[in-house]
Amino acid sequence: GGSTNYADSVKGRFTISRTNAKNTVY
């Protein structure tokens, strides 16, 4: 559904995203 969560060590530096039309996560 698009909800995200991060390890404390990467919060504010890393961003996860997805494009369902391309079957890809970044």
mmCIF file of all heavy atoms, coordinates in Angstrom:
data_MODEL
# 
_entry.id   MODEL 
# 
loop_
_atom_site.group_PDB 
_atom_site.id 
_atom_site.type_symbol 
_atom_site.label_atom_id 
_atom_site.label_alt_id 
_atom_site.label_comp_id 
_atom_site.label_asym_id 
_atom_site.label_entity_id 
_atom_site.label_seq_id 
_atom_site.pdbx_PDB_ins_code 
_atom_site.Cartn_x 
_atom_site.Cartn_y 
_atom_site.Cartn_z 
_atom_site.occupancy 
_atom_site.B_iso_or_equiv 
_atom_site.pdbx_formal_charge 
_atom_site.auth_seq_id 
_atom_site.auth_comp_id 
_atom_site.auth_asym_id 
_atom_site.auth_atom_id 
_atom_site.pdbx_PDB_model_num 
ATOM 1   N N   . GLY A 1 1  ? 0.787  -1.227 0.000   1.00 0.00 ? 1  GLY A N   1 
ATOM 2   C CA  . GLY A 1 1  ? 0.000  0.000  0.000   1.00 0.00 ? 1  GLY A CA  1 
ATOM 3   C C   . GLY A 1 1  ? 0.818  1.275  0.000   1.00 0.00 ? 1  GLY A C   1 
ATOM 4   O O   . GLY A 1 1  ? 0.253  2.364  -0.064  1.00 0.00 ? 1  GLY A O   1 
ATOM 5   N N   . GLY A 1 2  ? 2.141  1.138  0.086   1.00 0.00 ? 2  GLY A N   1 
ATOM 6   C CA  . GLY A 1 2  ? 3.018  2.302  0.015   1.00 0.00 ? 2  GLY A CA  1 
ATOM 7   C C   . GLY A 1 2  ? 3.538  2.829  1.337   1.00 0.00 ? 2  GLY A C   1 
ATOM 8   O O   . GLY A 1 2  ? 4.290  3.811  1.352   1.00 0.00 ? 2  GLY A O   1 
ATOM 9   N N   . SER A 1 3  ? 3.188  2.206  2.441   1.00 0.00 ? 3  SER A N   1 
ATOM 10  C CA  . SER A 1 3  ? 3.732  2.627  3.733   1.00 0.00 ? 3  SER A CA  1 
ATOM 11  C C   . SER A 1 3  ? 5.201  2.234  3.816   1.00 0.00 ? 3  SER A C   1 
ATOM 12  O O   . SER A 1 3  ? 5.596  1.163  3.338   1.00 0.00 ? 3  SER A O   1 
ATOM 13  C CB  . SER A 1 3  ? 2.959  1.967  4.867   1.00 0.00 ? 3  SER A CB  1 
ATOM 14  O OG  . SER A 1 3  ? 1.602  2.353  4.843   1.00 0.00 ? 3  SER A OG  1 
ATOM 15  N N   . THR A 1 4  ? 5.988  3.095  4.449   1.00 0.00 ? 4  THR A N   1 
ATOM 16  C CA  . THR A 1 4  ? 7.422  2.854  4.535   1.00 0.00 ? 4  THR A CA  1 
ATOM 17  C C   . THR A 1 4  ? 7.903  2.842  5.976   1.00 0.00 ? 4  THR A C   1 
ATOM 18  O O   . THR A 1 4  ? 7.303  3.472  6.856   1.00 0.00 ? 4  THR A O   1 
ATOM 19  C CB  . THR A 1 4  ? 8.213  3.924  3.766   1.00 0.00 ? 4  THR A CB  1 
ATOM 20  O OG1 . THR A 1 4  ? 7.928  5.212  4.321   1.00 0.00 ? 4  THR A OG1 1 
ATOM 21  C CG2 . THR A 1 4  ? 7.852  3.924  2.290   1.00 0.00 ? 4  THR A CG2 1 
ATOM 22  N N   . ASN A 1 5  ? 8.978  2.107  6.218   1.00 0.00 ? 5  ASN A N   1 
ATOM 23  C CA  . ASN A 1 5  ? 9.679  2.216  7.483   1.00 0.00 ? 5  ASN A CA  1 
ATOM 24  C C   . ASN A 1 5  ? 11.166 1.958  7.237   1.00 0.00 ? 5  ASN A C   1 
ATOM 25  O O   . ASN A 1 5  ? 11.541 1.308  6.260   1.00 0.00 ? 5  ASN A O   1 
ATOM 26  C CB  . ASN A 1 5  ? 9.105  1.284  8.554   1.00 0.00 ? 5  ASN A CB  1 
ATOM 27  C CG  . ASN A 1 5  ? 9.180  -0.179 8.199   1.00 0.00 ? 5  ASN A CG  1 
ATOM 28  O OD1 . ASN A 1 5  ? 8.385  -0.670 7.426   1.00 0.00 ? 5  ASN A OD1 1 
ATOM 29  N ND2 . ASN A 1 5  ? 10.149 -0.875 8.773   1.00 0.00 ? 5  ASN A ND2 1 
ATOM 30  N N   . TYR A 1 6  ? 11.979 2.497  8.140   1.00 0.00 ? 6  TYR A N   1 
ATOM 31  C CA  . TYR A 1 6  ? 13.430 2.519  7.960   1.00 0.00 ? 6  TYR A CA  1 
ATOM 32  C C   . TYR A 1 6  ? 14.153 2.123  9.241   1.00 0.00 ? 6  TYR A C   1 
ATOM 33  O O   . TYR A 1 6  ? 13.668 2.369  10.346  1.00 0.00 ? 6  TYR A O   1 
ATOM 34  C CB  . TYR A 1 6  ? 13.894 3.925  7.574   1.00 0.00 ? 6  TYR A CB  1 
ATOM 35  C CG  . TYR A 1 6  ? 13.334 4.433  6.268   1.00 0.00 ? 6  TYR A CG  1 
ATOM 36  C CD1 . TYR A 1 6  ? 12.139 5.139  6.229   1.00 0.00 ? 6  TYR A CD1 1 
ATOM 37  C CD2 . TYR A 1 6  ? 14.004 4.195  5.071   1.00 0.00 ? 6  TYR A CD2 1 
ATOM 38  C CE1 . TYR A 1 6  ? 11.614 5.593  5.033   1.00 0.00 ? 6  TYR A CE1 1 
ATOM 39  C CE2 . TYR A 1 6  ? 13.502 4.649  3.866   1.00 0.00 ? 6  TYR A CE2 1 
ATOM 40  C CZ  . TYR A 1 6  ? 12.301 5.350  3.859   1.00 0.00 ? 6  TYR A CZ  1 
ATOM 41  O OH  . TYR A 1 6  ? 11.792 5.800  2.664   1.00 0.00 ? 6  TYR A OH  1 
ATOM 42  N N   . ALA A 1 7  ? 15.331 1.555  9.058   1.00 0.00 ? 7  ALA A N   1 
ATOM 43  C CA  . ALA A 1 7  ? 16.222 1.366  10.193  1.00 0.00 ? 7  ALA A CA  1 
ATOM 44  C C   . ALA A 1 7  ? 16.643 2.737  10.708  1.00 0.00 ? 7  ALA A C   1 
ATOM 45  O O   . ALA A 1 7  ? 16.805 3.686  9.926   1.00 0.00 ? 7  ALA A O   1 
ATOM 46  C CB  . ALA A 1 7  ? 17.443 0.562  9.767   1.00 0.00 ? 7  ALA A CB  1 
ATOM 47  N N   . ASP A 1 8  ? 16.834 2.845  12.018  1.00 0.00 ? 8  ASP A N   1 
ATOM 48  C CA  . ASP A 1 8  ? 17.225 4.128  12.603  1.00 0.00 ? 8  ASP A CA  1 
ATOM 49  C C   . ASP A 1 8  ? 18.510 4.664  11.975  1.00 0.00 ? 8  ASP A C   1 
ATOM 50  O O   . ASP A 1 8  ? 18.679 5.872  11.815  1.00 0.00 ? 8  ASP A O   1 
ATOM 51  C CB  . ASP A 1 8  ? 17.405 3.985  14.110  1.00 0.00 ? 8  ASP A CB  1 
ATOM 52  C CG  . ASP A 1 8  ? 16.086 3.834  14.849  1.00 0.00 ? 8  ASP A CG  1 
ATOM 53  O OD1 . ASP A 1 8  ? 15.026 4.150  14.258  1.00 0.00 ? 8  ASP A OD1 1 
ATOM 54  O OD2 . ASP A 1 8  ? 16.115 3.399  16.009  1.00 0.00 ? 8  ASP A OD2 1 
ATOM 55  N N   . SER A 1 9  ? 19.410 3.757  11.614  1.00 0.00 ? 9  SER A N   1 
ATOM 56  C CA  . SER A 1 9  ? 20.721 4.160  11.104  1.00 0.00 ? 9  SER A CA  1 
ATOM 57  C C   . SER A 1 9  ? 20.658 4.842  9.735   1.00 0.00 ? 9  SER A C   1 
ATOM 58  O O   . SER A 1 9  ? 21.631 5.483  9.326   1.00 0.00 ? 9  SER A O   1 
ATOM 59  C CB  . SER A 1 9  ? 21.649 2.949  11.028  1.00 0.00 ? 9  SER A CB  1 
ATOM 60  O OG  . SER A 1 9  ? 21.102 1.951  10.179  1.00 0.00 ? 9  SER A OG  1 
ATOM 61  N N   . VAL A 1 10 ? 19.543 4.698  9.029   1.00 0.00 ? 10 VAL A N   1 
ATOM 62  C CA  . VAL A 1 10 ? 19.459 5.273  7.679   1.00 0.00 ? 10 VAL A CA  1 
ATOM 63  C C   . VAL A 1 10 ? 18.353 6.322  7.555   1.00 0.00 ? 10 VAL A C   1 
ATOM 64  O O   . VAL A 1 10 ? 18.208 6.940  6.501   1.00 0.00 ? 10 VAL A O   1 
ATOM 65  C CB  . VAL A 1 10 ? 19.258 4.186  6.607   1.00 0.00 ? 10 VAL A CB  1 
ATOM 66  C CG1 . VAL A 1 10 ? 20.326 3.109  6.727   1.00 0.00 ? 10 VAL A CG1 1 
ATOM 67  C CG2 . VAL A 1 10 ? 17.866 3.577  6.665   1.00 0.00 ? 10 VAL A CG2 1 
ATOM 68  N N   . LYS A 1 11 ? 17.582 6.541  8.604   1.00 0.00 ? 11 LYS A N   1 
ATOM 69  C CA  . LYS A 1 11 ? 16.495 7.522  8.549   1.00 0.00 ? 11 LYS A CA  1 
ATOM 70  C C   . LYS A 1 11 ? 17.039 8.900  8.187   1.00 0.00 ? 11 LYS A C   1 
ATOM 71  O O   . LYS A 1 11 ? 18.045 9.343  8.732   1.00 0.00 ? 11 LYS A O   1 
ATOM 72  C CB  . LYS A 1 11 ? 15.769 7.587  9.887   1.00 0.00 ? 11 LYS A CB  1 
ATOM 73  C CG  . LYS A 1 11 ? 14.787 6.457  10.119  1.00 0.00 ? 11 LYS A CG  1 
ATOM 74  C CD  . LYS A 1 11 ? 14.084 6.603  11.464  1.00 0.00 ? 11 LYS A CD  1 
ATOM 75  C CE  . LYS A 1 11 ? 13.134 5.453  11.709  1.00 0.00 ? 11 LYS A CE  1 
ATOM 76  N NZ  . LYS A 1 11 ? 12.514 5.528  13.055  1.00 0.00 ? 11 LYS A NZ  1 
ATOM 77  N N   . GLY A 1 12 ? 16.352 9.541  7.258   1.00 0.00 ? 12 GLY A N   1 
ATOM 78  C CA  . GLY A 1 12 ? 16.771 10.871 6.826   1.00 0.00 ? 12 GLY A CA  1 
ATOM 79  C C   . GLY A 1 12 ? 17.822 10.853 5.729   1.00 0.00 ? 12 GLY A C   1 
ATOM 80  O O   . GLY A 1 12 ? 18.109 11.898 5.138   1.00 0.00 ? 12 GLY A O   1 
ATOM 81  N N   . ARG A 1 13 ? 18.396 9.696  5.443   1.00 0.00 ? 13 ARG A N   1 
ATOM 82  C CA  . ARG A 1 13 ? 19.425 9.587  4.399   1.00 0.00 ? 13 ARG A CA  1 
ATOM 83  C C   . ARG A 1 13 ? 18.974 8.701  3.237   1.00 0.00 ? 13 ARG A C   1 
ATOM 84  O O   . ARG A 1 13 ? 19.333 8.959  2.091   1.00 0.00 ? 13 ARG A O   1 
ATOM 85  C CB  . ARG A 1 13 ? 20.717 9.018  4.976   1.00 0.00 ? 13 ARG A CB  1 
ATOM 86  C CG  . ARG A 1 13 ? 21.325 9.852  6.086   1.00 0.00 ? 13 ARG A CG  1 
ATOM 87  C CD  . ARG A 1 13 ? 22.710 9.353  6.473   1.00 0.00 ? 13 ARG A CD  1 
ATOM 88  N NE  . ARG A 1 13 ? 22.671 7.983  6.991   1.00 0.00 ? 13 ARG A NE  1 
ATOM 89  C CZ  . ARG A 1 13 ? 23.376 6.977  6.469   1.00 0.00 ? 13 ARG A CZ  1 
ATOM 90  N NH1 . ARG A 1 13 ? 24.145 7.163  5.406   1.00 0.00 ? 13 ARG A NH1 1 
ATOM 91  N NH2 . ARG A 1 13 ? 23.306 5.762  7.008   1.00 0.00 ? 13 ARG A NH2 1 
ATOM 92  N N   . PHE A 1 14 ? 18.213 7.658  3.533   1.00 0.00 ? 14 PHE A N   1 
ATOM 93  C CA  . PHE A 1 14 ? 17.767 6.705  2.510   1.00 0.00 ? 14 PHE A CA  1 
ATOM 94  C C   . PHE A 1 14 ? 16.270 6.871  2.274   1.00 0.00 ? 14 PHE A C   1 
ATOM 95  O O   . PHE A 1 14 ? 15.510 7.169  3.195   1.00 0.00 ? 14 PHE A O   1 
ATOM 96  C CB  . PHE A 1 14 ? 18.023 5.268  2.953   1.00 0.00 ? 14 PHE A CB  1 
ATOM 97  C CG  . PHE A 1 14 ? 19.470 4.857  3.018   1.00 0.00 ? 14 PHE A CG  1 
ATOM 98  C CD1 . PHE A 1 14 ? 20.506 5.771  2.896   1.00 0.00 ? 14 PHE A CD1 1 
ATOM 99  C CD2 . PHE A 1 14 ? 19.798 3.515  3.202   1.00 0.00 ? 14 PHE A CD2 1 
ATOM 100 C CE1 . PHE A 1 14 ? 21.835 5.377  2.966   1.00 0.00 ? 14 PHE A CE1 1 
ATOM 101 C CE2 . PHE A 1 14 ? 21.114 3.091  3.267   1.00 0.00 ? 14 PHE A CE2 1 
ATOM 102 C CZ  . PHE A 1 14 ? 22.128 4.030  3.149   1.00 0.00 ? 14 PHE A CZ  1 
ATOM 103 N N   . THR A 1 15 ? 15.861 6.626  1.039   1.00 0.00 ? 15 THR A N   1 
ATOM 104 C CA  . THR A 1 15 ? 14.450 6.667  0.681   1.00 0.00 ? 15 THR A CA  1 
ATOM 105 C C   . THR A 1 15 ? 14.109 5.461  -0.180  1.00 0.00 ? 15 THR A C   1 
ATOM 106 O O   . THR A 1 15 ? 14.767 5.222  -1.203  1.00 0.00 ? 15 THR A O   1 
ATOM 107 C CB  . THR A 1 15 ? 14.107 7.954  -0.096  1.00 0.00 ? 15 THR A CB  1 
ATOM 108 O OG1 . THR A 1 15 ? 14.458 9.096  0.691   1.00 0.00 ? 15 THR A OG1 1 
ATOM 109 C CG2 . THR A 1 15 ? 12.618 8.000  -0.417  1.00 0.00 ? 15 THR A CG2 1 
ATOM 110 N N   . ILE A 1 16 ? 13.102 4.722  0.242   1.00 0.00 ? 16 ILE A N   1 
ATOM 111 C CA  . ILE A 1 16 ? 12.621 3.589  -0.542  1.00 0.00 ? 16 ILE A CA  1 
ATOM 112 C C   . ILE A 1 16 ? 11.369 4.010  -1.307  1.00 0.00 ? 16 ILE A C   1 
ATOM 113 O O   . ILE A 1 16 ? 10.535 4.771  -0.792  1.00 0.00 ? 16 ILE A O   1 
ATOM 114 C CB  . ILE A 1 16 ? 12.338 2.365  0.360   1.00 0.00 ? 16 ILE A CB  1 
ATOM 115 C CG1 . ILE A 1 16 ? 12.062 1.121  -0.485  1.00 0.00 ? 16 ILE A CG1 1 
ATOM 116 C CG2 . ILE A 1 16 ? 11.218 2.634  1.355   1.00 0.00 ? 16 ILE A CG2 1 
ATOM 117 C CD1 . ILE A 1 16 ? 11.998 -0.175 0.328   1.00 0.00 ? 16 ILE A CD1 1 
ATOM 118 N N   . SER A 1 17 ? 11.254 3.533  -2.536  1.00 0.00 ? 17 SER A N   1 
ATOM 119 C CA  . SER A 1 17 ? 10.075 3.836  -3.342  1.00 0.00 ? 17 SER A CA  1 
ATOM 120 C C   . SER A 1 17 ? 9.826  2.664  -4.295  1.00 0.00 ? 17 SER A C   1 
ATOM 121 O O   . SER A 1 17 ? 10.691 1.797  -4.467  1.00 0.00 ? 17 SER A O   1 
ATOM 122 C CB  . SER A 1 17 ? 10.277 5.138  -4.128  1.00 0.00 ? 17 SER A CB  1 
ATOM 123 O OG  . SER A 1 17 ? 11.369 5.030  -5.020  1.00 0.00 ? 17 SER A OG  1 
ATOM 124 N N   . ARG A 1 18 ? 8.653  2.670  -4.882  1.00 0.00 ? 18 ARG A N   1 
ATOM 125 C CA  . ARG A 1 18 ? 8.324  1.593  -5.819  1.00 0.00 ? 18 ARG A CA  1 
ATOM 126 C C   . ARG A 1 18 ? 7.528  2.130  -6.986  1.00 0.00 ? 18 ARG A C   1 
ATOM 127 O O   . ARG A 1 18 ? 6.789  3.117  -6.844  1.00 0.00 ? 18 ARG A O   1 
ATOM 128 C CB  . ARG A 1 18 ? 7.528  0.486  -5.117  1.00 0.00 ? 18 ARG A CB  1 
ATOM 129 C CG  . ARG A 1 18 ? 6.180  0.902  -4.582  1.00 0.00 ? 18 ARG A CG  1 
ATOM 130 C CD  . ARG A 1 18 ? 5.577  -0.178 -3.677  1.00 0.00 ? 18 ARG A CD  1 
ATOM 131 N NE  . ARG A 1 18 ? 5.283  -1.414 -4.392  1.00 0.00 ? 18 ARG A NE  1 
ATOM 132 C CZ  . ARG A 1 18 ? 5.135  -2.601 -3.795  1.00 0.00 ? 18 ARG A CZ  1 
ATOM 133 N NH1 . ARG A 1 18 ? 5.247  -2.689 -2.479  1.00 0.00 ? 18 ARG A NH1 1 
ATOM 134 N NH2 . ARG A 1 18 ? 4.854  -3.671 -4.522  1.00 0.00 ? 18 ARG A NH2 1 
ATOM 135 N N   . THR A 1 19 ? 7.685  1.467  -8.135  1.00 0.00 ? 19 THR A N   1 
ATOM 136 C CA  . THR A 1 19 ? 6.891  1.763  -9.316  1.00 0.00 ? 19 THR A CA  1 
ATOM 137 C C   . THR A 1 19 ? 6.253  0.458  -9.763  1.00 0.00 ? 19 THR A C   1 
ATOM 138 O O   . THR A 1 19 ? 6.910  -0.395 -10.381 1.00 0.00 ? 19 THR A O   1 
ATOM 139 C CB  . THR A 1 19 ? 7.769  2.343  -10.441 1.00 0.00 ? 19 THR A CB  1 
ATOM 140 O OG1 . THR A 1 19 ? 8.409  3.535  -9.984  1.00 0.00 ? 19 THR A OG1 1 
ATOM 141 C CG2 . THR A 1 19 ? 6.921  2.673  -11.657 1.00 0.00 ? 19 THR A CG2 1 
ATOM 142 N N   . ASN A 1 20 ? 4.997  0.287  -9.430  1.00 0.00 ? 20 ASN A N   1 
ATOM 143 C CA  . ASN A 1 20 ? 4.332  -0.985 -9.727  1.00 0.00 ? 20 ASN A CA  1 
ATOM 144 C C   . ASN A 1 20 ? 4.252  -1.251 -11.224 1.00 0.00 ? 20 ASN A C   1 
ATOM 145 O O   . ASN A 1 20 ? 4.330  -2.402 -11.664 1.00 0.00 ? 20 ASN A O   1 
ATOM 146 C CB  . ASN A 1 20 ? 2.947  -1.015 -9.108  1.00 0.00 ? 20 ASN A CB  1 
ATOM 147 C CG  . ASN A 1 20 ? 2.978  -1.162 -7.591  1.00 0.00 ? 20 ASN A CG  1 
ATOM 148 O OD1 . ASN A 1 20 ? 4.021  -1.509 -7.012  1.00 0.00 ? 20 ASN A OD1 1 
ATOM 149 N ND2 . ASN A 1 20 ? 1.865  -0.856 -6.950  1.00 0.00 ? 20 ASN A ND2 1 
ATOM 150 N N   . ALA A 1 21 ? 4.130  -0.213 -12.008 1.00 0.00 ? 21 ALA A N   1 
ATOM 151 C CA  . ALA A 1 21 ? 4.037  -0.391 -13.464 1.00 0.00 ? 21 ALA A CA  1 
ATOM 152 C C   . ALA A 1 21 ? 5.314  -0.990 -14.044 1.00 0.00 ? 21 ALA A C   1 
ATOM 153 O O   . ALA A 1 21 ? 5.286  -1.598 -15.118 1.00 0.00 ? 21 ALA A O   1 
ATOM 154 C CB  . ALA A 1 21 ? 3.723  0.933  -14.129 1.00 0.00 ? 21 ALA A CB  1 
ATOM 155 N N   . LYS A 1 22 ? 6.423  -0.816 -13.319 1.00 0.00 ? 22 LYS A N   1 
ATOM 156 C CA  . LYS A 1 22 ? 7.701  -1.357 -13.787 1.00 0.00 ? 22 LYS A CA  1 
ATOM 157 C C   . LYS A 1 22 ? 8.170  -2.537 -12.952 1.00 0.00 ? 22 LYS A C   1 
ATOM 158 O O   . LYS A 1 22 ? 9.292  -3.027 -13.133 1.00 0.00 ? 22 LYS A O   1 
ATOM 159 C CB  . LYS A 1 22 ? 8.773  -0.261 -13.773 1.00 0.00 ? 22 LYS A CB  1 
ATOM 160 C CG  . LYS A 1 22 ? 8.504  0.864  -14.747 1.00 0.00 ? 22 LYS A CG  1 
ATOM 161 C CD  . LYS A 1 22 ? 9.659  1.858  -14.761 1.00 0.00 ? 22 LYS A CD  1 
ATOM 162 C CE  . LYS A 1 22 ? 9.422  2.955  -15.794 1.00 0.00 ? 22 LYS A CE  1 
ATOM 163 N NZ  . LYS A 1 22 ? 10.545 3.928  -15.835 1.00 0.00 ? 22 LYS A NZ  1 
ATOM 164 N N   . ASN A 1 23 ? 7.341  -2.969 -11.998 1.00 0.00 ? 23 ASN A N   1 
ATOM 165 C CA  . ASN A 1 23 ? 7.722  -4.075 -11.110 1.00 0.00 ? 23 ASN A CA  1 
ATOM 166 C C   . ASN A 1 23 ? 9.084  -3.826 -10.464 1.00 0.00 ? 23 ASN A C   1 
ATOM 167 O O   . ASN A 1 23 ? 9.909  -4.748 -10.348 1.00 0.00 ? 23 ASN A O   1 
ATOM 168 C CB  . ASN A 1 23 ? 7.753  -5.406 -11.877 1.00 0.00 ? 23 ASN A CB  1 
ATOM 169 C CG  . ASN A 1 23 ? 6.380  -5.959 -12.163 1.00 0.00 ? 23 ASN A CG  1 
ATOM 170 O OD1 . ASN A 1 23 ? 5.374  -5.276 -11.984 1.00 0.00 ? 23 ASN A OD1 1 
ATOM 171 N ND2 . ASN A 1 23 ? 6.317  -7.194 -12.626 1.00 0.00 ? 23 ASN A ND2 1 
ATOM 172 N N   . THR A 1 24 ? 9.296  -2.612 -10.021 1.00 0.00 ? 24 THR A N   1 
ATOM 173 C CA  . THR A 1 24 ? 10.612 -2.216 -9.534  1.00 0.00 ? 24 THR A CA  1 
ATOM 174 C C   . THR A 1 24 ? 10.499 -1.451 -8.224  1.00 0.00 ? 24 THR A C   1 
ATOM 175 O O   . THR A 1 24 ? 9.594  -0.634 -8.046  1.00 0.00 ? 24 THR A O   1 
ATOM 176 C CB  . THR A 1 24 ? 11.338 -1.358 -10.584 1.00 0.00 ? 24 THR A CB  1 
ATOM 177 O OG1 . THR A 1 24 ? 11.476 -2.108 -11.796 1.00 0.00 ? 24 THR A OG1 1 
ATOM 178 C CG2 . THR A 1 24 ? 12.724 -0.958 -10.100 1.00 0.00 ? 24 THR A CG2 1 
ATOM 179 N N   . VAL A 1 25 ? 11.430 -1.724 -7.338  1.00 0.00 ? 25 VAL A N   1 
ATOM 180 C CA  . VAL A 1 25 ? 11.575 -0.967 -6.096  1.00 0.00 ? 25 VAL A CA  1 
ATOM 181 C C   . VAL A 1 25 ? 12.970 -0.346 -6.091  1.00 0.00 ? 25 VAL A C   1 
ATOM 182 O O   . VAL A 1 25 ? 13.924 -0.925 -6.624  1.00 0.00 ? 25 VAL A O   1 
ATOM 183 C CB  . VAL A 1 25 ? 11.342 -1.862 -4.859  1.00 0.00 ? 25 VAL A CB  1 
ATOM 184 C CG1 . VAL A 1 25 ? 12.367 -2.973 -4.771  1.00 0.00 ? 25 VAL A CG1 1 
ATOM 185 C CG2 . VAL A 1 25 ? 11.330 -1.049 -3.580  1.00 0.00 ? 25 VAL A CG2 1 
ATOM 186 N N   . TYR A 1 26 ? 13.065 0.838  -5.506  1.00 0.00 ? 26 TYR A N   1 
ATOM 187 C CA  . TYR A 1 26 ? 14.305 1.598  -5.507  1.00 0.00 ? 26 TYR A CA  1 
ATOM 188 C C   . TYR A 1 26 ? 14.745 1.905  -4.078  1.00 0.00 ? 26 TYR A C   1 
ATOM 189 O O   . TYR A 1 26 ? 13.927 1.959  -3.159  1.00 0.00 ? 26 TYR A O   1 
ATOM 190 C CB  . TYR A 1 26 ? 14.119 2.916  -6.254  1.00 0.00 ? 26 TYR A CB  1 
ATOM 191 C CG  . TYR A 1 26 ? 13.587 2.768  -7.654  1.00 0.00 ? 26 TYR A CG  1 
ATOM 192 C CD1 . TYR A 1 26 ? 12.219 2.888  -7.910  1.00 0.00 ? 26 TYR A CD1 1 
ATOM 193 C CD2 . TYR A 1 26 ? 14.439 2.500  -8.714  1.00 0.00 ? 26 TYR A CD2 1 
ATOM 194 C CE1 . TYR A 1 26 ? 11.720 2.747  -9.188  1.00 0.00 ? 26 TYR A CE1 1 
ATOM 195 C CE2 . TYR A 1 26 ? 13.948 2.353  -10.004 1.00 0.00 ? 26 TYR A CE2 1 
ATOM 196 C CZ  . TYR A 1 26 ? 12.589 2.477  -10.236 1.00 0.00 ? 26 TYR A CZ  1 
ATOM 197 O OH  . TYR A 1 26 ? 12.088 2.334  -11.503 1.00 0.00 ? 26 TYR A OH  1 
# 
